[in-house]
Amino acid sequence: MTSDHETEARGAPLRAGCDAHPPSFRVYLAGDMCLESAGRIVGERQLPGPLGRHLLAMLAAEHNRPIGNDELAEEIWHGAPPPAWATSLKAFVSRTRAVITAAGMDGGSLIVGAPGVYRFVLPPGAWVDVDAAKSATHEAEGKLANGDLVGSAQHLFVAKVITNRPFLPGMTGQWLERRRAEFAELRIRALQCSARVNLANGSSTAAVGDAKRAVDADPLREPSWWLLMDAHAAIGDLASAIAAYERCRSTLDQALGIAPSPATRERHAALFAAVASWLRPGDPESRLPVLFALVAVIGLQLGIPRAYIVVPRWPLIGLELLLVAVLTWLNPLRLTRSTRLGKYATWILLAAITLDNTLSAVLLDIRILSGEVSNKPAVLLGSGAAIFVTNIIVFGIWYWELDRGGPFARRAGKHPYPDFLFPQMDPGTAKLVKPGWRPTFLDYLYVSLTNAMAFSPTDTMPLARWAKGMMGVQSLVAVTTLALVIARAVNVLR
C-alpha cells in the first residue's frame, strides 16, 4: 500500500539533483548503465566490451576529479594490467569516445585527456543518478529534522527509486567495491529516513516495510532493528516487535558473539512491559503432564476389547512406547531441546494413537448398529469410555503441539497470532488473570474435554482452519461414541 506522503511526492517535481526542467544530459550507473542526451542513448552493450564499460563507469562516477592512467589500469585489469597497458588503455578510451560520438554526442568533450590522466567532463546542468540519490538522501534527512515530512518524502522517492537498483552489476574491482559499499550505505540511510517519515506521518505499515528492507540490507545495524520494533509497536503488533528484538539478538550473537546495545535492550524492556504475558518468551514447560497423559492413553488402549480394535495391539503399543522413550530421552523433565527428531516422533505417535482410536470408535459404532456388540453393560460402557477418554487426551495433545507452532515456538515468542483464543488473552479478562499466564498442556486438555463433552467449542474459540477441522473431527467421534454406547447400554439394562 502506498503511503500518503509517497503519493504526494510522486505528484511533485523531483528536485533532488534534477529540478523541474529535465536536464539535457543524464548518466545512469545504477541498473543498466547508459548515457542519455536529447533522446540519444549510449547503452552498455554499445561500449567496447566489459573493460570499456568498466572504464566509462569509473570515469563518469568520479567526474569530480581527474583519474590517473595507472589508477584506471589498476582497476579495470584487477591489479594485473598487461605489459602494454598504456597503449591498451588509450585504445579503449578512443573506442569509447567513438561510440559516444556515433550516438550523436561529443565523445571528445565528455572524455578529456591530459598527460597521465583522464577526466569525464559533464555538460552544464547534467545529472548523474548516484549523485542525485546522495543529494536526495541528504536533503530528506535535513527536511525530516526540520519537521517537513512532505518535503522529505519527495526527496526520498528519488533516493529510494535510484538506490533500489544494483550499482554497476556484473563488474568487480577494488574501486567498484568501495563505491558499491557507499551506495549500499546510501540505500540504508534512505530506507531508515523513509521509515521515520512514515512513523511520523502515521503510515506504520509502510514504516514496517522500509525497516524490514533496511534490516535485510544490513542485519548487523541496530538502528534498523529499532525502527522495525517501533513500527510494529505503532501498528499495535507488540508480539512482532518482541520477535524482531529476538531476531536482532540472535543475529548479533551468531555473527559477532555480542549482545544488543543498551539502547536496543531499553527498547525491548519497554515493549516487553507492554506486551501480554502469553506472547513473551518464557521458561520451558514441564514434560511430565504430557508424559503422564501418553502413558494413560496407552493403558486405555490395552483396556479396549479385541472385538473393537483394527490395528494389532502389541505392535502398536510397542511403537508408542519406543516413541515415548525417544521423547523422554530428548527432554526428560522440561522441554528445552527442540529437535526435528522430537517433532516427527511426536507427530507419528499422535497420528498412530488418533488413527487407532478413531478406527476403534468406528468399529464400535458399526457393531452397535449391527447388533453384534456385547450385551454386558460393563464391557460396553468400559469400551466406550476408553475410546472417549483417549479421544480427549490425544486431541488435547494435538492442540498443545500445534498451537502457535508448538511449545518450543510459544516459549520463544516466535508466532504472535494464536490458533486458539483463550479467555485469558482477551484484554478485558486479562486484568483478572495472575500476571505471567501462558497456556500450558492442562489448558489445551481442558479445551479438548469441553469440546468432547459439549460437541462444540465453549470458552476457547478456534481461530485457525486446522483447529476448527480437528475440533470438528473430535466432536464427531465423541458424539457418535457417546450417543450409540449410552443408547445401547440403556437398552441392555432394560
Protein backbone atom coordinates (compact mmCIF):
# COMPACT_ATOMS: atom_id res chain seq x y z
CA MET A 1 0.00 0.00 0.00
CA THR A 2 1.33 3.43 -0.92
CA SER A 3 1.60 5.90 1.93
CA ASP A 4 0.09 9.38 1.68
CA HIS A 5 3.41 11.15 1.67
CA GLU A 6 4.73 8.97 -1.18
CA THR A 7 1.60 9.69 -3.25
CA GLU A 8 2.09 13.42 -2.73
CA ALA A 9 5.77 13.08 -3.57
CA ARG A 10 5.02 11.44 -6.94
CA GLY A 11 3.00 14.47 -7.96
CA ALA A 12 5.75 16.91 -7.08
CA PRO A 13 8.83 17.77 -9.14
CA LEU A 14 11.80 15.54 -8.45
CA ARG A 15 14.02 18.28 -7.14
CA ALA A 16 16.83 16.16 -5.66
CA GLY A 17 19.65 16.68 -8.16
CA CYS A 18 17.14 17.01 -11.01
CA ASP A 19 14.92 20.09 -11.00
CA ALA A 20 11.55 20.52 -12.63
CA HIS A 21 13.19 21.06 -16.03
CA PRO A 22 14.70 17.80 -17.35
CA PRO A 23 18.48 18.01 -17.71
CA SER A 24 19.95 17.85 -21.19
CA PHE A 25 22.41 15.12 -20.23
CA ARG A 26 21.92 12.14 -17.89
CA VAL A 27 24.24 9.43 -16.62
CA TYR A 28 22.77 6.22 -15.21
CA LEU A 29 25.12 3.99 -13.20
CA ALA A 30 22.54 2.10 -11.11
CA GLY A 31 20.88 -0.71 -13.01
CA ASP A 32 21.66 -0.72 -16.75
CA MET A 33 24.41 1.83 -17.32
CA CYS A 34 23.80 4.36 -20.07
CA LEU A 35 24.30 7.95 -21.20
CA GLU A 36 21.27 9.91 -22.42
CA SER A 37 21.08 13.26 -24.18
CA ALA A 38 18.13 14.72 -26.08
CA GLY A 39 16.66 11.31 -26.79
CA ARG A 40 20.02 9.83 -27.88
CA ILE A 41 21.27 6.92 -25.78
CA VAL A 42 24.59 5.13 -25.37
CA GLY A 43 23.83 1.77 -23.73
CA GLU A 44 26.34 -0.52 -22.11
CA ARG A 45 26.05 -3.04 -24.97
CA GLN A 46 27.37 -0.42 -27.38
CA LEU A 47 30.55 0.08 -25.37
CA PRO A 48 33.77 -1.79 -26.24
CA GLY A 49 33.26 -4.85 -24.04
CA PRO A 50 33.40 -5.22 -20.25
CA LEU A 51 36.62 -3.23 -19.98
CA GLY A 52 35.14 -0.32 -21.90
CA ARG A 53 32.05 -0.40 -19.68
CA HIS A 54 34.21 -0.51 -16.55
CA LEU A 55 36.35 2.37 -17.83
CA LEU A 56 33.42 4.64 -18.64
CA ALA A 57 31.68 3.79 -15.35
CA MET A 58 34.72 4.77 -13.30
CA LEU A 59 35.29 7.99 -15.23
CA ALA A 60 31.60 9.00 -15.01
CA ALA A 61 31.25 8.13 -11.31
CA GLU A 62 34.44 10.09 -10.48
CA HIS A 63 33.60 13.04 -12.71
CA ASN A 64 34.61 15.50 -9.98
CA ARG A 65 38.31 14.68 -10.35
CA PRO A 66 40.88 13.58 -12.94
CA ILE A 67 41.94 9.94 -12.66
CA GLY A 68 45.48 8.80 -13.25
CA ASN A 69 46.11 6.29 -16.03
CA ASP A 70 47.76 3.92 -13.59
CA GLU A 71 44.71 4.06 -11.29
CA LEU A 72 42.40 3.31 -14.21
CA ALA A 73 44.57 0.42 -15.37
CA GLU A 74 44.81 -1.00 -11.86
CA GLU A 75 41.02 -1.00 -11.57
CA ILE A 76 39.84 -2.30 -14.94
CA TRP A 77 42.51 -5.04 -15.12
CA HIS A 78 42.01 -6.00 -11.45
CA GLY A 79 45.52 -5.24 -10.30
CA ALA A 80 47.25 -7.13 -13.15
CA PRO A 81 47.45 -4.82 -16.19
CA PRO A 82 49.09 -6.22 -19.34
CA PRO A 83 52.66 -5.19 -20.26
CA ALA A 84 51.44 -2.66 -22.85
CA TRP A 85 48.62 -1.38 -20.67
CA ALA A 86 49.18 2.29 -21.51
CA THR A 87 48.59 1.64 -25.20
CA SER A 88 45.61 -0.61 -24.48
CA LEU A 89 44.08 1.98 -22.17
CA LYS A 90 44.45 4.69 -24.79
CA ALA A 91 42.80 2.43 -27.35
CA PHE A 92 39.83 1.75 -25.05
CA VAL A 93 39.38 5.46 -24.39
CA SER A 94 39.45 6.19 -28.14
CA ARG A 95 36.91 3.48 -28.91
CA THR A 96 34.64 4.66 -26.08
CA ARG A 97 34.77 8.23 -27.40
CA ALA A 98 33.94 6.96 -30.87
CA VAL A 99 30.89 5.07 -29.62
CA ILE A 100 29.61 8.16 -27.80
CA THR A 101 30.22 10.37 -30.83
CA ALA A 102 28.47 7.89 -33.14
CA ALA A 103 25.38 8.16 -30.94
CA GLY A 104 25.21 11.91 -31.56
CA MET A 105 27.11 13.19 -28.53
CA ASP A 106 30.53 14.74 -28.35
CA GLY A 107 32.79 11.98 -27.04
CA GLY A 108 35.89 14.15 -27.16
CA SER A 109 34.30 16.82 -24.96
CA LEU A 110 32.99 14.29 -22.47
CA ILE A 111 36.22 12.31 -22.00
CA VAL A 112 39.16 14.66 -21.99
CA GLY A 113 42.77 13.68 -21.53
CA ALA A 114 45.94 15.29 -20.25
CA PRO A 115 49.37 13.79 -19.74
CA GLY A 116 48.88 10.78 -17.45
CA VAL A 117 45.22 11.45 -16.62
CA TYR A 118 41.66 11.30 -17.99
CA ARG A 119 38.54 13.04 -16.78
CA PHE A 120 34.84 12.82 -17.56
CA VAL A 121 33.53 16.38 -18.01
CA LEU A 122 29.80 16.82 -17.54
CA PRO A 123 27.94 19.40 -19.65
CA PRO A 124 26.31 22.27 -17.70
CA GLY A 125 23.15 21.14 -15.91
CA ALA A 126 23.94 17.44 -16.35
CA TRP A 127 22.51 14.83 -13.97
CA VAL A 128 24.13 11.66 -12.54
CA ASP A 129 21.83 9.20 -10.79
CA VAL A 130 24.15 8.27 -7.91
CA ASP A 131 24.84 11.94 -7.21
CA ALA A 132 21.10 12.63 -7.28
CA ALA A 133 20.48 9.79 -4.82
CA LYS A 134 23.15 11.11 -2.47
CA SER A 135 21.80 14.65 -2.64
CA ALA A 136 18.21 13.47 -2.23
CA THR A 137 19.04 11.42 0.86
CA HIS A 138 20.90 14.31 2.45
CA GLU A 139 18.04 16.70 1.72
CA ALA A 140 15.45 14.24 3.02
CA GLU A 141 17.29 13.82 6.32
CA GLY A 142 17.56 17.56 6.71
CA LYS A 143 13.90 18.21 5.98
CA LEU A 144 12.84 15.44 8.36
CA ALA A 145 14.94 17.05 11.10
CA ASN A 146 13.10 20.34 10.43
CA GLY A 147 9.69 18.66 10.52
CA ASP A 148 8.99 18.94 6.78
CA LEU A 149 7.54 15.46 6.16
CA VAL A 150 6.19 16.17 2.67
CA GLY A 151 9.47 17.70 1.50
CA SER A 152 11.42 14.82 2.97
CA ALA A 153 9.13 12.30 1.25
CA GLN A 154 9.64 13.99 -2.14
CA HIS A 155 13.40 13.57 -1.90
CA LEU A 156 13.07 10.05 -0.52
CA PHE A 157 11.04 8.99 -3.53
CA VAL A 158 14.03 9.87 -5.74
CA ALA A 159 16.58 8.28 -3.41
CA LYS A 160 14.67 5.03 -2.96
CA VAL A 161 13.95 4.58 -6.67
CA ILE A 162 17.63 5.00 -7.57
CA THR A 163 19.17 3.02 -4.70
CA ASN A 164 16.75 0.15 -5.26
CA ARG A 165 18.74 -0.72 -8.40
CA PRO A 166 22.06 -2.59 -8.27
CA PHE A 167 25.16 -0.45 -8.66
CA LEU A 168 27.08 -1.41 -11.81
CA PRO A 169 26.09 -5.09 -11.70
CA GLY A 170 28.34 -7.69 -13.28
CA MET A 171 31.62 -5.87 -12.61
CA THR A 172 34.29 -6.30 -9.95
CA GLY A 173 37.22 -4.26 -8.72
CA GLN A 174 38.59 -2.60 -5.60
CA TRP A 175 37.30 0.86 -6.50
CA LEU A 176 33.97 -0.61 -7.52
CA GLU A 177 33.56 -2.48 -4.24
CA ARG A 178 34.21 0.72 -2.30
CA ARG A 179 31.65 2.64 -4.34
CA ARG A 180 29.20 -0.25 -4.07
CA ALA A 181 29.54 -0.20 -0.27
CA GLU A 182 28.90 3.57 -0.28
CA PHE A 183 25.83 3.03 -2.47
CA ALA A 184 24.53 0.32 -0.11
CA GLU A 185 25.07 2.68 2.82
CA LEU A 186 23.09 5.32 0.96
CA ARG A 187 20.20 2.91 0.44
CA ILE A 188 20.08 2.06 4.15
CA ARG A 189 20.08 5.75 5.08
CA ALA A 190 17.22 6.37 2.65
CA LEU A 191 15.20 3.44 3.99
CA GLN A 192 15.78 4.43 7.61
CA CYS A 193 14.78 8.03 6.86
CA SER A 194 11.69 6.81 5.00
CA ALA A 195 10.70 4.61 7.95
CA ARG A 196 10.99 7.62 10.28
CA VAL A 197 8.92 9.77 7.95
CA ASN A 198 6.24 7.09 7.72
CA LEU A 199 6.17 6.68 11.50
CA ALA A 200 5.83 10.44 11.98
CA ASN A 201 3.14 10.53 9.30
CA GLY A 202 1.13 7.68 10.83
CA SER A 203 1.85 5.27 7.94
CA SER A 204 3.07 2.49 10.23
CA THR A 205 2.58 -0.36 7.76
CA ALA A 206 4.80 1.41 5.22
CA ALA A 207 7.32 2.02 8.00
CA VAL A 208 7.44 -1.73 8.70
CA GLY A 209 8.26 -2.38 5.04
CA ASP A 210 11.04 0.22 4.96
CA ALA A 211 12.52 -1.04 8.22
CA LYS A 212 12.45 -4.67 7.03
CA ARG A 213 14.29 -3.73 3.84
CA ALA A 214 16.87 -1.82 5.88
CA VAL A 215 17.36 -4.83 8.15
CA ASP A 216 17.71 -7.15 5.15
CA ALA A 217 20.33 -4.83 3.65
CA ASP A 218 22.47 -4.98 6.80
CA PRO A 219 21.21 -7.20 9.65
CA LEU A 220 24.03 -6.05 11.96
CA ARG A 221 22.88 -2.42 12.02
CA GLU A 222 20.89 -1.99 15.22
CA PRO A 223 19.16 1.33 14.34
CA SER A 224 17.29 -0.54 11.59
CA TRP A 225 16.07 -3.04 14.17
CA TRP A 226 14.95 -0.14 16.38
CA LEU A 227 12.83 1.20 13.55
CA LEU A 228 11.34 -2.23 12.87
CA MET A 229 10.44 -2.66 16.54
CA ASP A 230 8.95 0.85 16.71
CA ALA A 231 6.97 0.33 13.50
CA HIS A 232 5.45 -2.95 14.72
CA ALA A 233 4.61 -1.31 18.04
CA ALA A 234 2.99 1.65 16.25
CA ILE A 235 0.63 -0.77 14.46
CA GLY A 236 -0.15 -2.37 17.80
CA ASP A 237 1.62 -5.62 16.95
CA LEU A 238 3.73 -5.83 20.10
CA ALA A 239 4.37 -9.54 19.61
CA SER A 240 6.11 -8.89 16.28
CA ALA A 241 8.09 -6.09 17.91
CA ILE A 242 9.31 -8.50 20.59
CA ALA A 243 10.07 -11.12 17.91
CA ALA A 244 12.12 -8.52 16.00
CA TYR A 245 14.25 -7.96 19.09
CA GLU A 246 14.78 -11.70 19.46
CA ARG A 247 15.94 -11.93 15.83
CA CYS A 248 18.25 -8.97 16.38
CA ARG A 249 19.73 -10.58 19.49
CA SER A 250 20.19 -13.92 17.74
CA THR A 251 21.76 -12.30 14.66
CA LEU A 252 24.28 -10.31 16.67
CA ASP A 253 25.15 -13.33 18.81
CA GLN A 254 25.68 -15.66 15.84
CA ALA A 255 27.56 -13.16 13.66
CA LEU A 256 29.62 -11.23 16.21
CA GLY A 257 29.22 -13.02 19.52
CA ILE A 258 27.89 -9.87 21.20
CA ALA A 259 24.66 -8.81 22.90
CA PRO A 260 22.47 -5.95 21.70
CA SER A 261 23.45 -2.46 22.78
CA PRO A 262 21.90 -0.84 25.88
CA ALA A 263 19.69 1.31 23.63
CA THR A 264 18.27 -1.80 21.95
CA ARG A 265 17.73 -3.53 25.28
CA GLU A 266 15.94 -0.47 26.66
CA ARG A 267 13.53 -0.53 23.72
CA HIS A 268 12.93 -4.21 24.29
CA ALA A 269 12.29 -3.70 28.00
CA ALA A 270 9.69 -1.02 27.28
CA LEU A 271 7.95 -3.25 24.73
CA PHE A 272 8.17 -6.29 26.98
CA ALA A 273 6.39 -4.44 29.77
CA ALA A 274 3.51 -3.60 27.43
CA VAL A 275 3.08 -6.97 25.70
CA ALA A 276 0.75 -9.69 27.01
CA SER A 277 2.47 -12.39 29.05
CA TRP A 278 1.38 -15.19 26.70
CA LEU A 279 3.26 -13.53 23.83
CA ARG A 280 6.52 -13.11 25.70
CA PRO A 281 9.42 -15.56 25.60
CA GLY A 282 9.21 -17.66 28.76
CA ASP A 283 10.51 -20.66 30.64
CA PRO A 284 10.25 -24.16 29.13
CA GLU A 285 7.23 -26.28 30.01
CA SER A 286 7.38 -29.43 32.08
CA ARG A 287 7.43 -32.73 30.19
CA LEU A 288 5.62 -34.64 32.97
CA PRO A 289 1.93 -33.76 32.31
CA VAL A 290 2.18 -34.79 28.67
CA LEU A 291 4.17 -37.90 29.58
CA PHE A 292 1.55 -39.00 32.12
CA ALA A 293 -1.20 -38.37 29.53
CA LEU A 294 0.57 -40.53 26.94
CA VAL A 295 1.06 -43.36 29.43
CA ALA A 296 -2.65 -43.12 30.34
CA VAL A 297 -3.62 -43.37 26.68
CA ILE A 298 -1.50 -46.49 26.21
CA GLY A 299 -3.14 -48.04 29.27
CA LEU A 300 -6.61 -47.20 27.91
CA GLN A 301 -5.74 -48.83 24.60
CA LEU A 302 -4.97 -52.06 26.45
CA GLY A 303 -8.44 -51.90 28.02
CA ILE A 304 -10.34 -51.89 24.72
CA PRO A 305 -11.61 -55.44 23.88
CA ARG A 306 -10.15 -57.17 20.83
CA ALA A 307 -13.54 -57.13 19.17
CA TYR A 308 -13.31 -53.36 18.77
CA ILE A 309 -9.74 -52.95 17.54
CA VAL A 310 -8.41 -52.98 13.97
CA VAL A 311 -4.67 -52.49 14.47
CA PRO A 312 -2.88 -55.39 16.25
CA ARG A 313 -2.45 -54.23 19.84
CA TRP A 314 1.08 -55.12 20.95
CA PRO A 315 2.97 -53.95 17.84
CA LEU A 316 1.18 -50.59 18.17
CA ILE A 317 1.85 -50.39 21.90
CA GLY A 318 5.50 -51.27 21.29
CA LEU A 319 5.85 -48.48 18.72
CA GLU A 320 4.20 -46.00 21.07
CA LEU A 321 6.42 -46.96 24.00
CA LEU A 322 9.50 -46.57 21.77
CA LEU A 323 8.43 -43.10 20.68
CA VAL A 324 7.65 -42.10 24.28
CA ALA A 325 11.14 -43.28 25.27
CA VAL A 326 12.71 -41.16 22.50
CA LEU A 327 10.76 -38.07 23.55
CA THR A 328 11.67 -38.60 27.21
CA TRP A 329 15.34 -39.03 26.28
CA LEU A 330 15.33 -35.76 24.32
CA ASN A 331 13.60 -33.77 27.08
CA PRO A 332 13.43 -35.75 30.34
CA LEU A 333 11.81 -33.16 32.63
CA ARG A 334 11.49 -29.85 30.74
CA LEU A 335 11.04 -29.05 27.06
CA THR A 336 14.39 -27.37 26.44
CA ARG A 337 15.67 -29.11 23.26
CA SER A 338 13.76 -28.53 20.04
CA THR A 339 14.85 -31.16 17.51
CA ARG A 340 13.49 -32.45 14.23
CA LEU A 341 13.60 -35.99 15.65
CA GLY A 342 11.43 -34.97 18.60
CA LYS A 343 8.97 -33.15 16.35
CA TYR A 344 8.47 -36.07 13.97
CA ALA A 345 8.42 -38.63 16.79
CA THR A 346 5.62 -36.69 18.48
CA TRP A 347 3.60 -36.41 15.28
CA ILE A 348 3.99 -40.10 14.44
CA LEU A 349 2.99 -41.07 17.98
CA LEU A 350 -0.08 -38.84 17.97
CA ALA A 351 -1.07 -39.94 14.46
CA ALA A 352 -0.84 -43.63 15.45
CA ILE A 353 -2.97 -43.12 18.58
CA THR A 354 -5.52 -40.96 16.74
CA LEU A 355 -5.90 -43.42 13.87
CA ASP A 356 -6.21 -46.43 16.17
CA ASN A 357 -8.74 -44.74 18.45
CA THR A 358 -10.85 -43.40 15.57
CA LEU A 359 -10.95 -46.82 13.91
CA SER A 360 -11.93 -48.38 17.23
CA ALA A 361 -14.76 -45.85 17.59
CA VAL A 362 -15.97 -46.56 14.05
CA LEU A 363 -15.82 -50.32 14.61
CA LEU A 364 -17.69 -49.99 17.93
CA ASP A 365 -20.40 -47.91 16.25
CA ILE A 366 -20.76 -50.47 13.46
CA ARG A 367 -21.05 -53.34 15.94
CA ILE A 368 -23.69 -51.47 17.93
CA LEU A 369 -25.75 -50.67 14.85
CA SER A 370 -25.49 -54.25 13.55
CA GLY A 371 -26.36 -55.77 16.95
CA GLU A 372 -23.03 -57.63 17.21
CA VAL A 373 -21.93 -55.81 20.35
CA SER A 374 -21.65 -57.49 23.76
CA ASN A 375 -24.78 -57.44 25.93
CA LYS A 376 -22.71 -56.88 29.06
CA PRO A 377 -23.20 -53.22 30.07
CA ALA A 378 -19.86 -53.09 31.90
CA VAL A 379 -17.93 -54.19 28.79
CA LEU A 380 -19.90 -51.86 26.55
CA LEU A 381 -19.57 -48.82 28.79
CA GLY A 382 -15.92 -49.59 29.57
CA SER A 383 -15.03 -49.83 25.87
CA GLY A 384 -16.89 -46.63 25.06
CA ALA A 385 -15.31 -44.80 27.99
CA ALA A 386 -11.79 -45.89 26.97
CA ILE A 387 -12.35 -44.61 23.43
CA PHE A 388 -13.96 -41.41 24.69
CA VAL A 389 -11.20 -40.55 27.20
CA THR A 390 -8.48 -41.42 24.69
CA ASN A 391 -10.18 -39.09 22.24
CA ILE A 392 -9.99 -36.27 24.80
CA ILE A 393 -6.36 -36.84 25.71
CA VAL A 394 -4.95 -37.31 22.20
CA PHE A 395 -6.70 -34.26 20.76
CA GLY A 396 -5.60 -32.23 23.78
CA ILE A 397 -2.00 -33.16 22.95
CA TRP A 398 -2.59 -32.28 19.29
CA TYR A 399 -3.85 -28.82 20.22
CA TRP A 400 -0.90 -28.30 22.58
CA GLU A 401 1.56 -29.49 19.95
CA LEU A 402 0.26 -27.35 17.06
CA ASP A 403 -0.99 -24.08 18.54
CA ARG A 404 1.32 -21.19 17.51
CA GLY A 405 3.94 -23.61 16.25
CA GLY A 406 4.09 -25.83 19.34
CA PRO A 407 5.54 -25.49 22.85
CA PHE A 408 9.05 -24.52 21.72
CA ALA A 409 7.84 -21.77 19.39
CA ARG A 410 5.42 -20.46 22.04
CA ARG A 411 8.20 -20.36 24.61
CA ALA A 412 10.37 -18.32 22.22
CA GLY A 413 7.52 -15.94 21.36
CA LYS A 414 8.00 -16.59 17.63
CA HIS A 415 4.37 -16.63 16.50
CA PRO A 416 2.25 -13.64 17.54
CA TYR A 417 -1.08 -14.89 16.17
CA PRO A 418 -2.84 -17.59 18.23
CA ASP A 419 -4.66 -20.55 16.74
CA PHE A 420 -6.83 -20.77 19.87
CA LEU A 421 -8.27 -17.70 21.60
CA PHE A 422 -8.23 -18.43 25.34
CA PRO A 423 -10.34 -16.14 27.56
CA GLN A 424 -7.14 -15.01 29.33
CA MET A 425 -6.00 -13.47 26.03
CA ASP A 426 -8.89 -11.03 25.94
CA PRO A 427 -7.68 -7.60 27.16
CA GLY A 428 -10.75 -7.22 29.36
CA THR A 429 -10.31 -10.61 31.02
CA ALA A 430 -6.52 -10.36 31.21
CA LYS A 431 -6.80 -7.85 34.06
CA LEU A 432 -8.33 -10.60 36.22
CA VAL A 433 -5.62 -13.16 35.45
CA LYS A 434 -2.50 -13.72 37.50
CA PRO A 435 0.50 -11.98 35.88
CA GLY A 436 2.67 -14.22 33.75
CA TRP A 437 -0.11 -16.51 32.49
CA ARG A 438 0.56 -18.53 29.36
CA PRO A 439 -1.28 -21.65 28.09
CA THR A 440 0.18 -24.98 29.14
CA PHE A 441 -0.82 -28.57 28.39
CA LEU A 442 -3.59 -28.60 31.02
CA ASP A 443 -5.27 -25.64 29.30
CA TYR A 444 -5.32 -27.50 25.98
CA LEU A 445 -6.54 -30.65 27.70
CA TYR A 446 -9.44 -28.66 29.13
CA VAL A 447 -10.25 -27.31 25.65
CA SER A 448 -10.34 -30.88 24.38
CA LEU A 449 -12.51 -32.03 27.30
CA THR A 450 -15.11 -29.28 26.84
CA ASN A 451 -15.18 -29.79 23.08
CA ALA A 452 -15.81 -33.54 23.52
CA MET A 453 -18.47 -33.00 26.20
CA ALA A 454 -20.31 -30.10 24.56
CA PHE A 455 -19.66 -31.28 20.96
CA SER A 456 -18.51 -27.71 20.19
CA PRO A 457 -16.07 -25.06 21.49
CA THR A 458 -17.00 -23.44 24.79
CA ASP A 459 -14.85 -20.71 26.35
CA THR A 460 -11.87 -21.10 23.97
CA MET A 461 -12.51 -20.37 20.31
CA PRO A 462 -10.55 -21.94 17.41
CA LEU A 463 -9.19 -19.29 15.04
CA ALA A 464 -7.12 -21.34 12.60
CA ARG A 465 -8.77 -23.56 9.99
CA TRP A 466 -6.77 -26.60 11.10
CA ALA A 467 -8.02 -26.08 14.66
CA LYS A 468 -11.63 -25.89 13.50
CA GLY A 469 -11.20 -29.03 11.42
CA MET A 470 -9.61 -31.03 14.25
CA MET A 471 -12.24 -29.93 16.75
CA GLY A 472 -14.92 -30.96 14.28
CA VAL A 473 -13.43 -34.45 13.90
CA GLN A 474 -13.07 -34.79 17.67
CA SER A 475 -16.68 -33.76 18.26
CA LEU A 476 -17.91 -36.20 15.61
CA VAL A 477 -16.05 -39.13 17.21
CA ALA A 478 -17.27 -38.11 20.66
CA VAL A 479 -20.94 -37.65 19.80
CA THR A 480 -21.27 -40.89 17.84
CA THR A 481 -19.48 -42.88 20.54
CA LEU A 482 -21.47 -41.42 23.45
CA ALA A 483 -24.84 -41.49 21.74
CA LEU A 484 -24.64 -45.06 20.50
CA VAL A 485 -22.92 -46.52 23.58
CA ILE A 486 -25.34 -44.90 26.03
CA ALA A 487 -28.38 -45.84 23.94
CA ARG A 488 -27.24 -49.47 23.66
CA ALA A 489 -26.37 -49.65 27.37
CA VAL A 490 -29.79 -48.31 28.38
CA ASN A 491 -31.46 -50.82 26.07
CA VAL A 492 -29.46 -53.72 27.57
CA LEU A 493 -30.20 -52.62 31.14
CA ARG A 494 -33.93 -52.55 30.39
